[in-house]
Amino acid sequence: MTVTPINSLDEFRQLINSGRVIAIDFWATWCGPCRSISPRFERFSEELPGIGFYKVDVDEQGAIAQEVGVRAMPTFVVFQNGNKVDDLVGADPPKLQMLLANAQSLL
């Protein structure tokens, strides 16, 4: 599976309410830590096929970032049935792995 960009607030709302477990990477092009952890998030998308992996550029999709309450990048958020289940702020690979393992357990 790959990481798919979310391009609108409507698309975001449809995805988080789809009934699937969704993991979203909130990032920015100017964010060095975002660029360093992005390949790991991509790799996890291959290893955990039951989770939907998405990304949101906070500069292009400010309405989504505001709705979720993103204050720092990178921020990773897991949603299920329209609800925020868990999140992680910062580029910490072991904590990201734990966040996604917890998300996998929701399947």
PDB file of N, CA and C in Angstrom:
ATOM      1  N   MET A   1       0.847  -1.182   0.000  1.00  0.00           N
ATOM      2  CA  MET A   1       0.000   0.000   0.000  1.00  0.00           C
ATOM      3  C   MET A   1       0.886   1.238   0.000  1.00  0.00           C
ATOM      4  N   THR A   2       0.387   2.305  -0.513  1.00  0.00           N
ATOM      5  CA  THR A   2       1.139   3.546  -0.536  1.00  0.00           C
ATOM      6  C   THR A   2       0.465   4.575   0.368  1.00  0.00           C
ATOM      7  N   VAL A   3       1.143   5.694   0.545  1.00  0.00           N
ATOM      8  CA  VAL A   3       0.597   6.798   1.330  1.00  0.00           C
ATOM      9  C   VAL A   3      -0.043   7.773   0.342  1.00  0.00           C
ATOM     10  N   THR A   4      -1.321   8.032   0.529  1.00  0.00           N
ATOM     11  CA  THR A   4      -2.101   8.836  -0.402  1.00  0.00           C
ATOM     12  C   THR A   4      -2.339  10.236   0.155  1.00  0.00           C
ATOM     13  N   PRO A   5      -2.073  11.265  -0.639  1.00  0.00           N
ATOM     14  CA  PRO A   5      -2.369  12.624  -0.169  1.00  0.00           C
ATOM     15  C   PRO A   5      -3.874  12.863  -0.065  1.00  0.00           C
ATOM     16  N   ILE A   6      -4.276  13.613   0.947  1.00  0.00           N
ATOM     17  CA  ILE A   6      -5.665  14.051   1.094  1.00  0.00           C
ATOM     18  C   ILE A   6      -5.720  15.483   0.571  1.00  0.00           C
ATOM     19  N   ASN A   7      -6.637  15.736  -0.369  1.00  0.00           N
ATOM     20  CA  ASN A   7      -6.637  17.004  -1.089  1.00  0.00           C
ATOM     21  C   ASN A   7      -7.790  17.943  -0.764  1.00  0.00           C
ATOM     22  N   SER A   8      -8.661  17.561   0.165  1.00  0.00           N
ATOM     23  CA  SER A   8      -9.749  18.468   0.534  1.00  0.00           C
ATOM     24  C   SER A   8     -10.320  18.075   1.892  1.00  0.00           C
ATOM     25  N   LEU A   9     -11.002  19.016   2.516  1.00  0.00           N
ATOM     26  CA  LEU A   9     -11.654  18.760   3.795  1.00  0.00           C
ATOM     27  C   LEU A   9     -12.760  17.723   3.630  1.00  0.00           C
ATOM     28  N   ASP A  10     -13.497  17.792   2.518  1.00  0.00           N
ATOM     29  CA  ASP A  10     -14.549  16.797   2.271  1.00  0.00           C
ATOM     30  C   ASP A  10     -13.970  15.394   2.146  1.00  0.00           C
ATOM     31  N   GLU A  11     -12.863  15.274   1.419  1.00  0.00           N
ATOM     32  CA  GLU A  11     -12.208  13.968   1.274  1.00  0.00           C
ATOM     33  C   GLU A  11     -11.759  13.446   2.641  1.00  0.00           C
ATOM     34  N   PHE A  12     -11.176  14.321   3.455  1.00  0.00           N
ATOM     35  CA  PHE A  12     -10.745  13.961   4.801  1.00  0.00           C
ATOM     36  C   PHE A  12     -11.913  13.416   5.613  1.00  0.00           C
ATOM     37  N   ARG A  13     -13.031  14.132   5.589  1.00  0.00           N
ATOM     38  CA  ARG A  13     -14.193  13.707   6.376  1.00  0.00           C
ATOM     39  C   ARG A  13     -14.740  12.369   5.889  1.00  0.00           C
ATOM     40  N   GLN A  14     -14.762  12.153   4.587  1.00  0.00           N
ATOM     41  CA  GLN A  14     -15.216  10.866   4.050  1.00  0.00           C
ATOM     42  C   GLN A  14     -14.301   9.732   4.510  1.00  0.00           C
ATOM     43  N   LEU A  15     -13.005   9.966   4.453  1.00  0.00           N
ATOM     44  CA  LEU A  15     -12.049   8.922   4.824  1.00  0.00           C
ATOM     45  C   LEU A  15     -12.150   8.545   6.300  1.00  0.00           C
ATOM     46  N   ILE A  16     -12.191   9.549   7.175  1.00  0.00           N
ATOM     47  CA  ILE A  16     -12.196   9.206   8.610  1.00  0.00           C
ATOM     48  C   ILE A  16     -13.514   8.579   9.038  1.00  0.00           C
ATOM     49  N   ASN A  17     -14.567   8.795   8.260  1.00  0.00           N
ATOM     50  CA  ASN A  17     -15.873   8.212   8.576  1.00  0.00           C
ATOM     51  C   ASN A  17     -16.176   6.958   7.765  1.00  0.00           C
ATOM     52  N   SER A  18     -15.168   6.408   7.106  1.00  0.00           N
ATOM     53  CA  SER A  18     -15.368   5.257   6.226  1.00  0.00           C
ATOM     54  C   SER A  18     -15.499   3.936   6.982  1.00  0.00           C
ATOM     55  N   GLY A  19     -15.215   3.935   8.278  1.00  0.00           N
ATOM     56  CA  GLY A  19     -15.238   2.693   9.047  1.00  0.00           C
ATOM     57  C   GLY A  19     -13.887   1.998   9.091  1.00  0.00           C
ATOM     58  N   ARG A  20     -12.957   2.455   8.258  1.00  0.00           N
ATOM     59  CA  ARG A  20     -11.608   1.876   8.246  1.00  0.00           C
ATOM     60  C   ARG A  20     -10.743   2.533   9.323  1.00  0.00           C
ATOM     61  N   VAL A  21      -9.657   1.869   9.659  1.00  0.00           N
ATOM     62  CA  VAL A  21      -8.629   2.478  10.510  1.00  0.00           C
ATOM     63  C   VAL A  21      -7.724   3.275   9.576  1.00  0.00           C
ATOM     64  N   ILE A  22      -7.568   4.566   9.864  1.00  0.00           N
ATOM     65  CA  ILE A  22      -6.838   5.495   9.009  1.00  0.00           C
ATOM     66  C   ILE A  22      -5.707   6.127   9.815  1.00  0.00           C
ATOM     67  N   ALA A  23      -4.505   6.129   9.256  1.00  0.00           N
ATOM     68  CA  ALA A  23      -3.359   6.823   9.855  1.00  0.00           C
ATOM     69  C   ALA A  23      -2.980   7.973   8.934  1.00  0.00           C
ATOM     70  N   ILE A  24      -2.870   9.169   9.500  1.00  0.00           N
ATOM     71  CA  ILE A  24      -2.566  10.352   8.697  1.00  0.00           C
ATOM     72  C   ILE A  24      -1.301  11.022   9.222  1.00  0.00           C
ATOM     73  N   ASP A  25      -0.411  11.332   8.284  1.00  0.00           N
ATOM     74  CA  ASP A  25       0.814  12.077   8.553  1.00  0.00           C
ATOM     75  C   ASP A  25       0.558  13.534   8.184  1.00  0.00           C
ATOM     76  N   PHE A  26       0.533  14.425   9.184  1.00  0.00           N
ATOM     77  CA  PHE A  26       0.415  15.855   8.945  1.00  0.00           C
ATOM     78  C   PHE A  26       1.826  16.416   8.876  1.00  0.00           C
ATOM     79  N   TRP A  27       2.189  16.976   7.735  1.00  0.00           N
ATOM     80  CA  TRP A  27       3.570  17.368   7.473  1.00  0.00           C
ATOM     81  C   TRP A  27       3.599  18.701   6.726  1.00  0.00           C
ATOM     82  N   ALA A  28       4.813  19.215   6.532  1.00  0.00           N
ATOM     83  CA  ALA A  28       5.017  20.437   5.743  1.00  0.00           C
ATOM     84  C   ALA A  28       6.313  20.281   4.952  1.00  0.00           C
ATOM     85  N   THR A  29       6.360  20.882   3.768  1.00  0.00           N
ATOM     86  CA  THR A  29       7.538  20.743   2.909  1.00  0.00           C
ATOM     87  C   THR A  29       8.792  21.328   3.548  1.00  0.00           C
ATOM     88  N   TRP A  30       8.640  22.356   4.374  1.00  0.00           N
ATOM     89  CA  TRP A  30       9.777  23.025   4.997  1.00  0.00           C
ATOM     90  C   TRP A  30      10.256  22.329   6.270  1.00  0.00           C
ATOM     91  N   CYS A  31       9.571  21.266   6.680  1.00  0.00           N
ATOM     92  CA  CYS A  31       9.837  20.590   7.959  1.00  0.00           C
ATOM     93  C   CYS A  31      10.880  19.484   7.787  1.00  0.00           C
ATOM     94  N   GLY A  32      12.085  19.714   8.301  1.00  0.00           N
ATOM     95  CA  GLY A  32      13.155  18.716   8.199  1.00  0.00           C
ATOM     96  C   GLY A  32      12.812  17.387   8.853  1.00  0.00           C
ATOM     97  N   PRO A  33      12.322  17.378  10.095  1.00  0.00           N
ATOM     98  CA  PRO A  33      11.950  16.109  10.720  1.00  0.00           C
ATOM     99  C   PRO A  33      10.859  15.359   9.939  1.00  0.00           C
ATOM    100  N   CYS A  34       9.963  16.106   9.288  1.00  0.00           N
ATOM    101  CA  CYS A  34       8.919  15.462   8.468  1.00  0.00           C
ATOM    102  C   CYS A  34       9.560  14.681   7.331  1.00  0.00           C
ATOM    103  N   ARG A  35      10.534  15.300   6.672  1.00  0.00           N
ATOM    104  CA  ARG A  35      11.202  14.639   5.553  1.00  0.00           C
ATOM    105  C   ARG A  35      12.010  13.430   6.017  1.00  0.00           C
ATOM    106  N   SER A  36      12.547  13.491   7.234  1.00  0.00           N
ATOM    107  CA  SER A  36      13.363  12.367   7.707  1.00  0.00           C
ATOM    108  C   SER A  36      12.525  11.155   8.103  1.00  0.00           C
ATOM    109  N   ILE A  37      11.315  11.363   8.604  1.00  0.00           N
ATOM    110  CA  ILE A  37      10.511  10.223   9.050  1.00  0.00           C
ATOM    111  C   ILE A  37       9.539   9.730   7.976  1.00  0.00           C
ATOM    112  N   SER A  38       9.329  10.517   6.943  1.00  0.00           N
ATOM    113  CA  SER A  38       8.397  10.139   5.880  1.00  0.00           C
ATOM    114  C   SER A  38       8.694   8.771   5.255  1.00  0.00           C
ATOM    115  N   PRO A  39       9.966   8.428   4.973  1.00  0.00           N
ATOM    116  CA  PRO A  39      10.233   7.089   4.409  1.00  0.00           C
ATOM    117  C   PRO A  39       9.826   5.951   5.344  1.00  0.00           C
ATOM    118  N   ARG A  40       9.918   6.159   6.640  1.00  0.00           N
ATOM    119  CA  ARG A  40       9.483   5.114   7.592  1.00  0.00           C
ATOM    120  C   ARG A  40       7.973   4.949   7.551  1.00  0.00           C
ATOM    121  N   PHE A  41       7.238   6.078   7.480  1.00  0.00           N
ATOM    122  CA  PHE A  41       5.786   6.013   7.382  1.00  0.00           C
ATOM    123  C   PHE A  41       5.395   5.263   6.102  1.00  0.00           C
ATOM    124  N   GLU A  42       6.103   5.551   5.011  1.00  0.00           N
ATOM    125  CA  GLU A  42       5.876   4.834   3.742  1.00  0.00           C
ATOM    126  C   GLU A  42       6.118   3.336   3.920  1.00  0.00           C
ATOM    127  N   ARG A  43       7.208   2.987   4.593  1.00  0.00           N
ATOM    128  CA  ARG A  43       7.531   1.568   4.791  1.00  0.00           C
ATOM    129  C   ARG A  43       6.457   0.879   5.636  1.00  0.00           C
ATOM    130  N   PHE A  44       5.984   1.552   6.672  1.00  0.00           N
ATOM    131  CA  PHE A  44       4.923   0.963   7.492  1.00  0.00           C
ATOM    132  C   PHE A  44       3.658   0.731   6.660  1.00  0.00           C
ATOM    133  N   SER A  45       3.415   1.590   5.672  1.00  0.00           N
ATOM    134  CA  SER A  45       2.229   1.405   4.824  1.00  0.00           C
ATOM    135  C   SER A  45       2.317   0.096   4.043  1.00  0.00           C
ATOM    136  N   GLU A  46       3.526  -0.350   3.756  1.00  0.00           N
ATOM    137  CA  GLU A  46       3.730  -1.638   3.069  1.00  0.00           C
ATOM    138  C   GLU A  46       3.594  -2.808   4.043  1.00  0.00           C
ATOM    139  N   GLU A  47       4.004  -2.598   5.280  1.00  0.00           N
ATOM    140  CA  GLU A  47       4.025  -3.677   6.273  1.00  0.00           C
ATOM    141  C   GLU A  47       2.677  -3.893   6.966  1.00  0.00           C
ATOM    142  N   LEU A  48       1.809  -2.883   6.964  1.00  0.00           N
ATOM    143  CA  LEU A  48       0.535  -2.948   7.684  1.00  0.00           C
ATOM    144  C   LEU A  48      -0.616  -2.665   6.710  1.00  0.00           C
ATOM    145  N   PRO A  49      -0.931  -3.624   5.855  1.00  0.00           N
ATOM    146  CA  PRO A  49      -1.891  -3.371   4.775  1.00  0.00           C
ATOM    147  C   PRO A  49      -3.328  -3.142   5.227  1.00  0.00           C
ATOM    148  N   GLY A  50      -3.682  -3.464   6.440  1.00  0.00           N
ATOM    149  CA  GLY A  50      -5.057  -3.273   6.889  1.00  0.00           C
ATOM    150  C   GLY A  50      -5.400  -1.830   7.238  1.00  0.00           C
ATOM    151  N   ILE A  51      -4.383  -1.010   7.408  1.00  0.00           N
ATOM    152  CA  ILE A  51      -4.567   0.393   7.779  1.00  0.00           C
ATOM    153  C   ILE A  51      -4.504   1.248   6.514  1.00  0.00           C
ATOM    154  N   GLY A  52      -5.348   2.271   6.441  1.00  0.00           N
ATOM    155  CA  GLY A  52      -5.251   3.241   5.351  1.00  0.00           C
ATOM    156  C   GLY A  52      -4.231   4.305   5.727  1.00  0.00           C
ATOM    157  N   PHE A  53      -3.242   4.511   4.888  1.00  0.00           N
ATOM    158  CA  PHE A  53      -2.175   5.482   5.155  1.00  0.00           C
ATOM    159  C   PHE A  53      -2.355   6.698   4.253  1.00  0.00           C
ATOM    160  N   TYR A  54      -2.394   7.875   4.882  1.00  0.00           N
ATOM    161  CA  TYR A  54      -2.627   9.121   4.163  1.00  0.00           C
ATOM    162  C   TYR A  54      -1.703  10.202   4.703  1.00  0.00           C
ATOM    163  N   LYS A  55      -1.563  11.286   3.922  1.00  0.00           N
ATOM    164  CA  LYS A  55      -0.771  12.425   4.385  1.00  0.00           C
ATOM    165  C   LYS A  55      -1.487  13.710   4.023  1.00  0.00           C
ATOM    166  N   VAL A  56      -1.245  14.721   4.854  1.00  0.00           N
ATOM    167  CA  VAL A  56      -1.836  16.045   4.658  1.00  0.00           C
ATOM    168  C   VAL A  56      -0.723  17.077   4.759  1.00  0.00           C
ATOM    169  N   ASP A  57      -0.539  17.845   3.692  1.00  0.00           N
ATOM    170  CA  ASP A  57       0.374  18.982   3.715  1.00  0.00           C
ATOM    171  C   ASP A  57      -0.373  20.116   4.418  1.00  0.00           C
ATOM    172  N   VAL A  58       0.072  20.480   5.603  1.00  0.00           N
ATOM    173  CA  VAL A  58      -0.667  21.451   6.418  1.00  0.00           C
ATOM    174  C   VAL A  58      -0.704  22.842   5.794  1.00  0.00           C
ATOM    175  N   ASP A  59       0.252  23.158   4.936  1.00  0.00           N
ATOM    176  CA  ASP A  59       0.242  24.460   4.278  1.00  0.00           C
ATOM    177  C   ASP A  59      -0.793  24.502   3.150  1.00  0.00           C
ATOM    178  N   GLU A  60      -1.007  23.385   2.496  1.00  0.00           N
ATOM    179  CA  GLU A  60      -1.993  23.320   1.413  1.00  0.00           C
ATOM    180  C   GLU A  60      -3.397  23.032   1.921  1.00  0.00           C
ATOM    181  N   GLN A  61      -3.501  22.328   3.052  1.00  0.00           N
ATOM    182  CA  GLN A  61      -4.802  21.918   3.589  1.00  0.00           C
ATOM    183  C   GLN A  61      -4.954  22.397   5.033  1.00  0.00           C
ATOM    184  N   GLY A  62      -4.867  23.702   5.205  1.00  0.00           N
ATOM    185  CA  GLY A  62      -4.945  24.290   6.540  1.00  0.00           C
ATOM    186  C   GLY A  62      -6.252  24.007   7.258  1.00  0.00           C
ATOM    187  N   ALA A  63      -7.350  23.881   6.513  1.00  0.00           N
ATOM    188  CA  ALA A  63      -8.650  23.614   7.149  1.00  0.00           C
ATOM    189  C   ALA A  63      -8.662  22.249   7.822  1.00  0.00           C
ATOM    190  N   ILE A  64      -8.006  21.281   7.201  1.00  0.00           N
ATOM    191  CA  ILE A  64      -7.939  19.938   7.810  1.00  0.00           C
ATOM    192  C   ILE A  64      -7.085  20.001   9.065  1.00  0.00           C
ATOM    193  N   ALA A  65      -5.915  20.619   8.966  1.00  0.00           N
ATOM    194  CA  ALA A  65      -5.023  20.733  10.122  1.00  0.00           C
ATOM    195  C   ALA A  65      -5.716  21.451  11.270  1.00  0.00           C
ATOM    196  N   GLN A  66      -6.484  22.485  10.962  1.00  0.00           N
ATOM    197  CA  GLN A  66      -7.193  23.232  11.995  1.00  0.00           C
ATOM    198  C   GLN A  66      -8.277  22.358  12.627  1.00  0.00           C
ATOM    199  N   GLU A  67      -9.014  21.620  11.817  1.00  0.00           N
ATOM    200  CA  GLU A  67     -10.086  20.774  12.347  1.00  0.00           C
ATOM    201  C   GLU A  67      -9.529  19.705  13.298  1.00  0.00           C
ATOM    202  N   VAL A  68      -8.361  19.172  12.968  1.00  0.00           N
ATOM    203  CA  VAL A  68      -7.751  18.127  13.795  1.00  0.00           C
ATOM    204  C   VAL A  68      -7.024  18.727  14.994  1.00  0.00           C
ATOM    205  N   GLY A  69      -6.632  19.992  14.905  1.00  0.00           N
ATOM    206  CA  GLY A  69      -5.922  20.638  16.001  1.00  0.00           C
ATOM    207  C   GLY A  69      -4.422  20.439  15.941  1.00  0.00           C
ATOM    208  N   VAL A  70      -3.882  20.301  14.734  1.00  0.00           N
ATOM    209  CA  VAL A  70      -2.436  20.108  14.565  1.00  0.00           C
ATOM    210  C   VAL A  70      -1.728  21.412  14.903  1.00  0.00           C
ATOM    211  N   ARG A  71      -0.738  21.313  15.794  1.00  0.00           N
ATOM    212  CA  ARG A  71       0.004  22.493  16.212  1.00  0.00           C
ATOM    213  C   ARG A  71       1.492  22.403  15.891  1.00  0.00           C
ATOM    214  N   ALA A  72       1.979  21.202  15.592  1.00  0.00           N
ATOM    215  CA  ALA A  72       3.398  20.995  15.292  1.00  0.00           C
ATOM    216  C   ALA A  72       3.511  19.882  14.261  1.00  0.00           C
ATOM    217  N   MET A  73       4.604  19.899  13.524  1.00  0.00           N
ATOM    218  CA  MET A  73       4.848  18.873  12.534  1.00  0.00           C
ATOM    219  C   MET A  73       6.159  18.167  12.833  1.00  0.00           C
ATOM    220  N   PRO A  74       6.196  16.864  12.515  1.00  0.00           N
ATOM    221  CA  PRO A  74       5.071  16.078  12.030  1.00  0.00           C
ATOM    222  C   PRO A  74       4.139  15.672  13.174  1.00  0.00           C
ATOM    223  N   THR A  75       2.879  15.496  12.829  1.00  0.00           N
ATOM    224  CA  THR A  75       1.892  14.928  13.740  1.00  0.00           C
ATOM    225  C   THR A  75       1.242  13.761  13.023  1.00  0.00           C
ATOM    226  N   PHE A  76       1.162  12.636  13.693  1.00  0.00           N
ATOM    227  CA  PHE A  76       0.528  11.436  13.152  1.00  0.00           C
ATOM    228  C   PHE A  76      -0.739  11.179  13.961  1.00  0.00           C
ATOM    229  N   VAL A  77      -1.849  10.970  13.259  1.00  0.00           N
ATOM    230  CA  VAL A  77      -3.123  10.776  13.936  1.00  0.00           C
ATOM    231  C   VAL A  77      -3.799   9.535  13.367  1.00  0.00           C
ATOM    232  N   VAL A  78      -4.351   8.709  14.267  1.00  0.00           N
ATOM    233  CA  VAL A  78      -5.112   7.523  13.874  1.00  0.00           C
ATOM    234  C   VAL A  78      -6.584   7.802  14.135  1.00  0.00           C
ATOM    235  N   PHE A  79      -7.414   7.512  13.131  1.00  0.00           N
ATOM    236  CA  PHE A  79      -8.862   7.667  13.222  1.00  0.00           C
ATOM    237  C   PHE A  79      -9.550   6.333  12.973  1.00  0.00           C
ATOM    238  N   GLN A  80     -10.688   6.161  13.622  1.00  0.00           N
ATOM    239  CA  GLN A  80     -11.564   5.033  13.337  1.00  0.00           C
ATOM    240  C   GLN A  80     -13.000   5.486  13.586  1.00  0.00           C
ATOM    241  N   ASN A  81     -13.876   5.213  12.628  1.00  0.00           N
ATOM    242  CA  ASN A  81     -15.293   5.583  12.735  1.00  0.00           C
ATOM    243  C   ASN A  81     -15.492   7.064  13.070  1.00  0.00           C
ATOM    244  N   GLY A  82     -14.676   7.918  12.460  1.00  0.00           N
ATOM    245  CA  GLY A  82     -14.816   9.353  12.654  1.00  0.00           C
ATOM    246  C   GLY A  82     -14.191   9.896  13.921  1.00  0.00           C
ATOM    247  N   ASN A  83     -13.626   9.020  14.737  1.00  0.00           N
ATOM    248  CA  ASN A  83     -13.042   9.448  16.013  1.00  0.00           C
ATOM    249  C   ASN A  83     -11.526   9.370  15.986  1.00  0.00           C
ATOM    250  N   LYS A  84     -10.904  10.362  16.603  1.00  0.00           N
ATOM    251  CA  LYS A  84      -9.460  10.341  16.792  1.00  0.00           C
ATOM    252  C   LYS A  84      -9.163   9.314  17.882  1.00  0.00           C
ATOM    253  N   VAL A  85      -8.393   8.299  17.530  1.00  0.00           N
ATOM    254  CA  VAL A  85      -8.106   7.201  18.451  1.00  0.00           C
ATOM    255  C   VAL A  85      -6.793   7.439  19.197  1.00  0.00           C
ATOM    256  N   ASP A  86      -5.796   7.970  18.474  1.00  0.00           N
ATOM    257  CA  ASP A  86      -4.471   8.137  19.069  1.00  0.00           C
ATOM    258  C   ASP A  86      -3.695   9.136  18.216  1.00  0.00           C
ATOM    259  N   ASP A  87      -2.631   9.703  18.794  1.00  0.00           N
ATOM    260  CA  ASP A  87      -1.783  10.585  18.004  1.00  0.00           C
ATOM    261  C   ASP A  87      -0.367  10.598  18.539  1.00  0.00           C
ATOM    262  N   LEU A  88       0.516  11.135  17.720  1.00  0.00           N
ATOM    263  CA  LEU A  88       1.930  11.269  18.066  1.00  0.00           C
ATOM    264  C   LEU A  88       2.421  12.567  17.452  1.00  0.00           C
ATOM    265  N   VAL A  89       3.060  13.390  18.261  1.00  0.00           N
ATOM    266  CA  VAL A  89       3.672  14.615  17.759  1.00  0.00           C
ATOM    267  C   VAL A  89       5.175  14.419  17.792  1.00  0.00           C
ATOM    268  N   GLY A  90       5.822  14.621  16.638  1.00  0.00           N
ATOM    269  CA  GLY A  90       7.272  14.505  16.552  1.00  0.00           C
ATOM    270  C   GLY A  90       7.713  13.326  15.704  1.00  0.00           C
ATOM    271  N   ALA A  91       8.967  13.390  15.297  1.00  0.00           N
ATOM    272  CA  ALA A  91       9.558  12.374  14.427  1.00  0.00           C
ATOM    273  C   ALA A  91      10.325  11.357  15.264  1.00  0.00           C
ATOM    274  N   ASP A  92       9.605  10.485  15.938  1.00  0.00           N
ATOM    275  CA  ASP A  92      10.189   9.472  16.816  1.00  0.00           C
ATOM    276  C   ASP A  92       9.837   8.091  16.263  1.00  0.00           C
ATOM    277  N   PRO A  93      10.755   7.463  15.511  1.00  0.00           N
ATOM    278  CA  PRO A  93      10.434   6.187  14.855  1.00  0.00           C
ATOM    279  C   PRO A  93       9.906   5.091  15.781  1.00  0.00           C
ATOM    280  N   PRO A  94      10.504   4.850  16.961  1.00  0.00           N
ATOM    281  CA  PRO A  94       9.937   3.804  17.821  1.00  0.00           C
ATOM    282  C   PRO A  94       8.511   4.113  18.285  1.00  0.00           C
ATOM    283  N   LYS A  95       8.237   5.380  18.585  1.00  0.00           N
ATOM    284  CA  LYS A  95       6.879   5.750  19.009  1.00  0.00           C
ATOM    285  C   LYS A  95       5.898   5.668  17.836  1.00  0.00           C
ATOM    286  N   LEU A  96       6.362   5.997  16.637  1.00  0.00           N
ATOM    287  CA  LEU A  96       5.506   5.852  15.459  1.00  0.00           C
ATOM    288  C   LEU A  96       5.168   4.381  15.232  1.00  0.00           C
ATOM    289  N   GLN A  97       6.156   3.519  15.391  1.00  0.00           N
ATOM    290  CA  GLN A  97       5.913   2.084  15.244  1.00  0.00           C
ATOM    291  C   GLN A  97       4.884   1.611  16.277  1.00  0.00           C
ATOM    292  N   MET A  98       4.987   2.088  17.510  1.00  0.00           N
ATOM    293  CA  MET A  98       4.040   1.713  18.559  1.00  0.00           C
ATOM    294  C   MET A  98       2.635   2.238  18.233  1.00  0.00           C
ATOM    295  N   LEU A  99       2.548   3.489  17.774  1.00  0.00           N
ATOM    296  CA  LEU A  99       1.264   4.070  17.397  1.00  0.00           C
ATOM    297  C   LEU A  99       0.587   3.218  16.338  1.00  0.00           C
ATOM    298  N   LEU A 100       1.348   2.800  15.324  1.00  0.00           N
ATOM    299  CA  LEU A 100       0.780   2.024  14.223  1.00  0.00           C
ATOM    300  C   LEU A 100       0.487   0.590  14.628  1.00  0.00           C
ATOM    301  N   ALA A 101       1.270   0.027  15.550  1.00  0.00           N
ATOM    302  CA  ALA A 101       0.961  -1.315  16.076  1.00  0.00           C
ATOM    303  C   ALA A 101      -0.353  -1.272  16.848  1.00  0.00           C
ATOM    304  N   ASN A 102      -0.557  -0.219  17.605  1.00  0.00           N
ATOM    305  CA  ASN A 102      -1.826  -0.056  18.329  1.00  0.00           C
ATOM    306  C   ASN A 102      -2.978   0.093  17.344  1.00  0.00           C
ATOM    307  N   ALA A 103      -2.743   0.825  16.255  1.00  0.00           N
ATOM    308  CA  ALA A 103      -3.770   0.986  15.226  1.00  0.00           C
ATOM    309  C   ALA A 103      -4.084  -0.350  14.585  1.00  0.00           C
ATOM    310  N   GLN A 104      -3.074  -1.157  14.337  1.00  0.00           N
ATOM    311  CA  GLN A 104      -3.267  -2.489  13.734  1.00  0.00           C
ATOM    312  C   GLN A 104      -4.119  -3.365  14.633  1.00  0.00           C
ATOM    313  N   SER A 105      -3.995  -3.195  15.946  1.00  0.00           N
ATOM    314  CA  SER A 105      -4.770  -4.013  16.873  1.00  0.00           C
ATOM    315  C   SER A 105      -6.270  -3.672  16.852  1.00  0.00           C
ATOM    316  N   LEU A 106      -6.635  -2.535  16.243  1.00  0.00           N
ATOM    317  CA  LEU A 106      -8.040  -2.146  16.135  1.00  0.00           C
ATOM    318  C   LEU A 106      -8.761  -2.887  15.004  1.00  0.00           C
ATOM    319  N   LEU A 107      -7.993  -3.520  14.136  1.00  0.00           N
ATOM    320  CA  LEU A 107      -8.603  -4.202  12.975  1.00  0.00           C
ATOM    321  C   LEU A 107      -9.323  -5.461  13.375  1.00  0.00           C
TER     322      LEU A 107
END
